[in-house]
Protein backbone atom coordinates (compact mmCIF):
# COMPACT_ATOMS: atom_id res chain seq x y z
CA MET A 1 -14.23 -21.81 -13.02
CA LYS A 2 -10.84 -22.72 -11.52
CA ASN A 3 -9.12 -20.66 -14.22
CA TYR A 4 -10.81 -17.53 -12.91
CA LEU A 5 -10.33 -18.24 -9.19
CA PRO A 6 -6.88 -16.57 -8.99
CA TYR A 7 -8.30 -13.39 -10.53
CA PHE A 8 -11.16 -13.48 -8.04
CA PHE A 9 -8.77 -13.81 -5.10
CA ILE A 10 -6.59 -10.96 -6.40
CA ALA A 11 -9.67 -8.75 -6.73
CA CYS A 12 -10.79 -9.74 -3.21
CA GLY A 13 -7.39 -8.88 -1.74
CA ALA A 14 -7.31 -5.50 -3.49
CA SER A 15 -10.90 -4.82 -2.41
CA LEU A 16 -9.93 -5.42 1.22
CA TRP A 17 -7.16 -2.81 0.86
CA GLY A 18 -9.84 -0.43 -0.36
CA LEU A 19 -11.68 -0.84 2.97
CA ILE A 20 -8.76 0.44 5.07
CA ALA A 21 -10.30 3.89 5.50
CA LEU A 22 -13.16 2.39 7.54
CA PHE A 23 -10.71 1.26 10.21
CA VAL A 24 -8.50 4.36 10.04
CA ARG A 25 -11.37 6.82 10.39
CA GLY A 26 -12.95 4.61 13.04
CA LEU A 27 -9.80 4.73 15.19
CA SER A 28 -9.38 8.46 14.47
CA SER A 29 -12.86 9.07 15.88
CA PHE A 30 -11.59 7.74 19.24
CA GLY A 31 -8.75 10.27 19.24
CA PHE A 32 -5.88 8.16 17.93
CA THR A 33 -3.29 10.03 15.87
CA ALA A 34 -2.08 8.80 12.47
CA MET A 35 1.17 7.48 13.98
CA GLU A 36 -0.72 5.68 16.76
CA ILE A 37 -2.92 4.02 14.13
CA VAL A 38 0.20 2.99 12.21
CA THR A 39 1.52 1.43 15.43
CA ILE A 40 -1.76 -0.41 16.00
CA ARG A 41 -1.67 -1.76 12.45
CA VAL A 42 1.93 -3.00 12.46
CA THR A 43 1.59 -4.47 15.97
CA ALA A 44 -1.62 -6.33 15.18
CA ALA A 45 -0.16 -7.54 11.88
CA THR A 46 3.05 -8.66 13.63
CA ILE A 47 1.11 -10.77 16.15
CA LEU A 48 -0.98 -12.38 13.41
CA LEU A 49 2.03 -13.03 11.16
CA LEU A 50 4.01 -14.58 14.03
CA VAL A 51 1.13 -16.95 14.77
CA ILE A 52 0.85 -17.88 11.08
CA GLY A 53 4.62 -18.26 10.86
CA PHE A 54 4.83 -20.69 13.79
CA ILE A 55 1.95 -22.74 12.36
CA ARG A 56 2.86 -22.75 8.67
CA PHE A 57 6.23 -21.12 7.85
CA ARG A 58 8.66 -22.00 10.65
CA SER A 59 11.48 -22.63 8.19
CA GLN A 60 11.10 -19.08 6.86
CA MET A 61 11.34 -17.32 10.22
CA ARG A 62 15.14 -17.21 10.50
CA ILE A 63 17.23 -14.29 9.35
CA SER A 64 20.81 -13.13 9.79
CA ILE A 65 21.36 -10.29 12.27
CA LYS A 66 23.55 -8.51 9.72
CA ASP A 67 20.51 -8.21 7.42
CA LEU A 68 18.47 -6.18 9.94
CA PRO A 69 19.34 -2.89 8.18
CA MET A 70 17.41 -4.14 5.13
CA PHE A 71 14.32 -4.65 7.25
CA PHE A 72 14.85 -1.26 8.88
CA GLY A 73 14.56 0.10 5.36
CA THR A 74 11.40 -1.83 4.52
CA GLY A 75 9.87 -1.41 7.97
CA ILE A 76 10.71 2.17 8.99
CA LEU A 77 11.81 4.16 5.94
CA SER A 78 8.99 2.77 3.85
CA ILE A 79 6.14 1.01 5.73
CA VAL A 80 5.94 3.44 8.66
CA PHE A 81 6.41 6.51 6.47
CA PHE A 82 3.98 5.22 3.83
CA ASN A 83 1.30 4.30 6.38
CA TRP A 84 1.62 7.59 8.27
CA CYS A 85 1.24 9.60 5.06
CA TYR A 86 -1.62 7.43 3.84
CA PHE A 87 -3.57 7.47 7.12
CA THR A 88 -3.07 11.23 7.44
CA ALA A 89 -4.25 11.75 3.87
CA ILE A 90 -7.35 9.64 4.56
CA ASN A 91 -8.31 12.07 7.33
CA TYR A 92 -7.65 15.22 5.29
CA LEU A 93 -8.77 14.19 1.80
CA PRO A 94 -11.70 12.35 0.26
CA ILE A 95 -10.90 8.64 0.56
CA SER A 96 -10.87 8.18 -3.21
CA LEU A 97 -8.26 10.92 -3.68
CA ALA A 98 -6.07 9.56 -0.86
CA VAL A 99 -5.92 6.12 -2.46
CA ILE A 100 -5.37 7.58 -5.94
CA LEU A 101 -2.37 9.57 -4.67
CA LEU A 102 -1.07 6.31 -3.19
CA TYR A 103 -1.24 4.93 -6.72
CA THR A 104 1.38 7.45 -7.88
CA SER A 105 3.85 4.86 -6.55
CA PRO A 106 4.72 3.37 -9.99
CA ALA A 107 5.93 6.79 -11.15
CA PHE A 108 8.18 7.09 -8.08
CA VAL A 109 9.40 3.51 -8.59
CA ALA A 110 10.32 4.26 -12.21
CA VAL A 111 12.35 7.34 -11.24
CA LEU A 112 13.99 5.81 -8.15
CA SER A 113 14.87 2.62 -10.03
CA PHE A 114 16.56 4.71 -12.71
CA PHE A 115 18.81 6.44 -10.16
CA PHE A 116 19.43 3.67 -7.60
CA LEU A 117 18.98 0.38 -9.47
CA LYS A 118 20.27 1.59 -12.82
CA GLU A 119 17.11 0.44 -14.59
CA SER A 120 16.27 2.04 -17.92
CA LEU A 121 13.48 4.58 -18.34
CA SER A 122 11.40 3.17 -21.19
CA VAL A 123 8.94 5.25 -23.20
CA LYS A 124 6.12 3.47 -21.36
CA LYS A 125 7.53 4.51 -17.98
CA ILE A 126 8.05 8.11 -19.10
CA ILE A 127 4.45 8.29 -20.34
CA ALA A 128 3.26 6.88 -17.00
CA VAL A 129 5.26 9.49 -15.05
CA ILE A 130 3.88 12.34 -17.18
CA GLY A 131 0.34 10.95 -16.84
CA THR A 132 0.74 10.69 -13.07
CA ILE A 133 1.99 14.28 -12.73
CA SER A 134 -0.84 15.54 -14.94
CA GLY A 135 -3.38 13.57 -12.91
CA CYS A 136 -2.07 15.09 -9.67
CA ALA A 137 -2.41 18.57 -11.18
CA LEU A 138 -6.06 17.91 -12.00
CA ILE A 139 -6.76 16.45 -8.56
CA SER A 140 -5.14 19.36 -6.71
CA GLY A 141 -7.14 22.01 -8.57
CA LEU A 142 -4.07 23.59 -10.19
CA THR A 143 -6.11 23.84 -13.37
CA GLY A 144 -8.30 26.56 -11.93
CA ASP A 145 -11.39 24.64 -10.82
CA SER A 146 -12.04 26.20 -7.39
CA ARG A 147 -15.02 24.08 -6.42
CA GLN A 148 -12.89 21.71 -4.38
CA THR A 149 -9.24 22.75 -4.33
CA ILE A 150 -6.88 20.49 -2.40
CA SER A 151 -4.37 22.19 -0.08
CA VAL A 152 -0.70 21.91 -0.99
CA LEU A 153 0.10 20.22 2.34
CA ALA A 154 -2.61 17.58 1.90
CA LEU A 155 -1.43 16.93 -1.65
CA LEU A 156 2.20 16.55 -0.53
CA ILE A 157 1.22 14.15 2.28
CA GLY A 158 -0.83 12.12 -0.18
CA LEU A 159 2.10 12.00 -2.59
CA GLY A 160 4.29 11.00 0.37
CA SER A 161 2.29 7.78 0.65
CA GLY A 162 3.10 7.04 -2.98
CA LEU A 163 6.79 7.76 -2.35
CA GLY A 164 6.81 5.56 0.78
CA TYR A 165 5.13 2.75 -1.13
CA ALA A 166 7.79 3.13 -3.84
CA LEU A 167 10.59 3.00 -1.25
CA TYR A 168 9.13 -0.28 -0.03
CA SER A 169 9.52 -1.58 -3.54
CA ILE A 170 13.17 -0.50 -3.74
CA PHE A 171 14.19 -1.89 -0.32
CA GLY A 172 12.05 -4.98 -0.85
CA LYS A 173 13.88 -5.79 -4.05
CA PHE A 174 17.17 -6.06 -2.18
CA ALA A 175 15.62 -8.14 0.64
CA LEU A 176 14.00 -10.56 -1.81
CA ARG A 177 17.37 -11.47 -3.26
CA LYS A 178 18.04 -13.39 -0.04
CA TYR A 179 14.69 -14.13 1.64
CA PRO A 180 11.24 -15.41 0.56
CA PRO A 181 8.25 -13.00 0.54
CA PHE A 182 6.79 -14.21 3.87
CA THR A 183 10.10 -13.60 5.66
CA VAL A 184 10.41 -10.10 4.19
CA THR A 185 6.83 -9.25 5.14
CA LEU A 186 7.11 -10.70 8.65
CA TYR A 187 10.31 -8.92 9.64
CA THR A 188 9.20 -5.69 8.00
CA PHE A 189 6.28 -5.55 10.43
CA VAL A 190 8.33 -6.91 13.35
CA VAL A 191 10.99 -4.20 13.00
CA ALA A 192 8.33 -1.51 12.53
CA ALA A 193 6.49 -2.63 15.68
CA ILE A 194 9.67 -2.88 17.78
CA VAL A 195 10.73 0.65 16.82
CA LEU A 196 7.30 2.29 17.04
CA LEU A 197 5.99 0.86 20.32
CA PRO A 198 8.54 2.56 22.65
CA VAL A 199 8.42 5.79 20.62
CA VAL A 200 4.64 6.12 20.38
CA ARG A 201 4.09 4.69 23.89
CA LEU A 202 0.76 3.20 22.93
CA TRP A 203 0.36 1.57 26.34
CA GLU A 204 -0.40 5.01 27.80
CA LYS A 205 -3.79 4.65 26.12
CA SER A 206 -4.32 1.13 27.47
CA GLU A 207 -7.74 1.95 28.90
CA LEU A 208 -8.92 3.26 25.52
CA LEU A 209 -7.34 0.31 23.72
CA LEU A 210 -9.50 -2.07 25.77
CA ASN A 211 -12.67 -0.42 24.48
CA VAL A 212 -14.61 -3.05 22.53
CA ASN A 213 -15.02 -0.86 19.44
CA VAL A 214 -11.33 0.07 19.45
CA LEU A 215 -10.39 -3.60 19.72
CA LEU A 216 -12.62 -4.37 16.75
CA TYR A 217 -11.20 -1.53 14.66
CA GLY A 218 -7.60 -2.31 15.65
CA GLY A 219 -7.88 -6.06 15.22
CA GLY A 220 -9.78 -5.56 11.98
CA LEU A 221 -7.10 -3.20 10.68
CA GLY A 222 -4.38 -5.78 11.32
CA LEU A 223 -6.41 -8.68 9.94
CA ILE A 224 -8.69 -7.59 7.08
CA PRO A 225 -6.81 -5.00 4.95
CA THR A 226 -3.39 -6.29 6.02
CA VAL A 227 -2.81 -10.00 6.67
CA LEU A 228 -5.95 -11.41 5.01
CA ALA A 229 -5.63 -9.10 1.99
CA TYR A 230 -1.96 -10.08 1.64
CA PHE A 231 -2.67 -13.82 1.63
CA LEU A 232 -5.60 -13.54 -0.78
CA TYR A 233 -3.54 -11.48 -3.19
CA THR A 234 -0.52 -13.79 -2.83
CA TRP A 235 -2.56 -16.93 -3.46
CA GLY A 236 -3.93 -15.44 -6.66
CA LEU A 237 -0.60 -13.99 -7.75
CA GLU A 238 1.17 -17.33 -7.44
CA ARG A 239 -1.22 -18.66 -10.09
CA THR A 240 -1.23 -15.84 -12.63
CA GLU A 241 1.01 -13.23 -14.26
CA SER A 242 2.12 -10.28 -12.15
CA SER A 243 1.19 -7.79 -14.89
CA LYS A 244 -2.41 -9.03 -14.91
CA ALA A 245 -2.52 -8.97 -11.11
CA ALA A 246 -1.33 -5.36 -11.03
CA VAL A 247 -4.11 -4.30 -13.39
CA ILE A 248 -6.77 -6.24 -11.45
CA ALA A 249 -5.51 -4.58 -8.24
CA THR A 250 -6.73 -1.22 -9.52
CA VAL A 251 -10.11 -2.32 -8.16
CA GLU A 252 -8.79 -0.92 -4.84
CA PRO A 253 -9.44 2.78 -5.62
CA ILE A 254 -12.83 1.86 -7.07
CA VAL A 255 -13.80 0.18 -3.78
CA ALA A 256 -12.38 3.14 -1.83
CA THR A 257 -14.41 5.59 -3.93
CA VAL A 258 -17.64 3.65 -3.39
CA LEU A 259 -16.83 3.47 0.33
CA GLY A 260 -16.40 7.26 0.50
CA VAL A 261 -19.66 7.90 -1.34
CA ILE A 262 -21.77 5.44 0.67
CA PHE A 263 -20.40 5.96 4.19
CA TYR A 264 -19.05 9.51 4.11
CA ASN A 265 -21.13 11.21 1.40
CA GLU A 266 -17.99 12.29 -0.44
CA LYS A 267 -18.13 13.90 -3.88
CA LEU A 268 -15.46 14.70 -6.45
CA THR A 269 -15.33 17.42 -9.10
CA GLY A 270 -15.22 16.50 -12.77
CA LEU A 271 -11.55 17.45 -13.00
CA GLN A 272 -10.67 15.35 -9.95
CA ILE A 273 -12.41 12.36 -11.49
CA ALA A 274 -10.48 12.98 -14.72
CA GLY A 275 -7.21 13.23 -12.77
CA SER A 276 -7.96 10.00 -10.92
CA LEU A 277 -8.69 8.18 -14.18
CA LEU A 278 -5.46 9.55 -15.67
CA ILE A 279 -3.40 8.20 -12.77
CA LEU A 280 -5.15 4.80 -12.92
CA THR A 281 -4.54 4.66 -16.68
CA SER A 282 -0.86 5.39 -16.04
CA VAL A 283 -0.72 2.52 -13.52
CA ILE A 284 -2.28 0.14 -16.04
CA VAL A 285 0.03 1.31 -18.84
CA VAL A 286 3.20 0.85 -16.80
CA ASN A 287 2.10 -2.68 -15.86
CA LEU A 288 1.16 -3.85 -19.34
CA PRO A 289 3.55 -6.50 -20.73
CA THR A 290 5.62 -5.62 -23.78
CA GLU A 291 7.36 -7.62 -26.46
CA ILE A 292 10.73 -6.73 -24.94
CA GLY A 293 10.48 -8.84 -21.83
CA ASN A 294 8.40 -9.34 -18.78
CA LEU A 295 7.55 -6.48 -16.51
CA GLN A 296 8.39 -6.79 -12.82
CA THR A 297 5.98 -5.25 -10.38
CA LEU A 298 5.70 -5.03 -6.63
CA GLY A 299 2.74 -5.66 -4.39
CA LYS A 300 1.42 -3.88 -1.37
CA ASP A 301 3.91 -5.26 1.06
CA GLY A 302 6.68 -4.11 -1.23
CA THR A 303 7.92 -7.51 -2.34
CA GLU A 304 8.84 -8.12 -5.94
CA ASN A 305 6.51 -9.99 -8.26
CA LYS A 306 8.35 -11.85 -10.98
CA LYS A 307 7.04 -13.92 -13.82
CA PRO A 308 6.39 -16.63 -12.97
CA ALA A 309 5.45 -15.00 -9.68
CA SER A 310 5.87 -16.70 -6.33
CA ALA A 311 4.35 -14.14 -4.00
CA LYS A 312 3.13 -10.57 -3.59
CA GLU A 313 3.32 -6.69 -1.82
């Protein structure tokens, strides 16, 4: 049983990510914009991570001031951008399609790594990129199925979440060369919160923020699909191969799809289902190990998973 526990924890963490739409749409129903919800998430996560850091990881809470630009990259150019695109997509697209477009990230990572990190484009990566593009075409309705055509703007915003997620992977790779995963995750959220709070001016909605339901949605957003999901996934990842973890994590869009069907009565066309499966297949293919070495992947917080892996995002 212990041999399967890491896989169970990885699946639990990914499943919690799949629940994020519940909190996003819940906060949206109270009039919060996508950027305000991003601010609520990073602020709640920052508070929780600081508490955890002081209790468990005090030695990992120090950084050099000169390294702040790295965390500006992970926190603003990737986390804030990725979350804004993702939360906006959740409000304009069926939940299942929003999370599937987020999963175009590996294709963006492959291309960006080729240009900025000088990594090779293997046949497997090229196939994954082509499969991802084809899947997006099916999802958007470019094939001529007019029963549920996705607007170009909604598609681009959804793809933006995949790009932002990929940018997290690129910036995170540089940060992980000097700091452990917890430090990278902590200061990513700290920098994001520090920059967003004075810009978004969330305190102007203080009365609404004190609403019991808003507190539950906001606290839940910071805890359940963020901090708790991260620690569950990390615990499992530390005890198994990153390639297996990445494949198991594809349970996230499955959970998101079930969530959309049960709570929001969402339906997809046959072509959109085919496009979603094509993108998921591409994600699995690009994460399968090969005889030529071990594949490196990145988790939801953008940190690099190596084999043997030490932590996730």
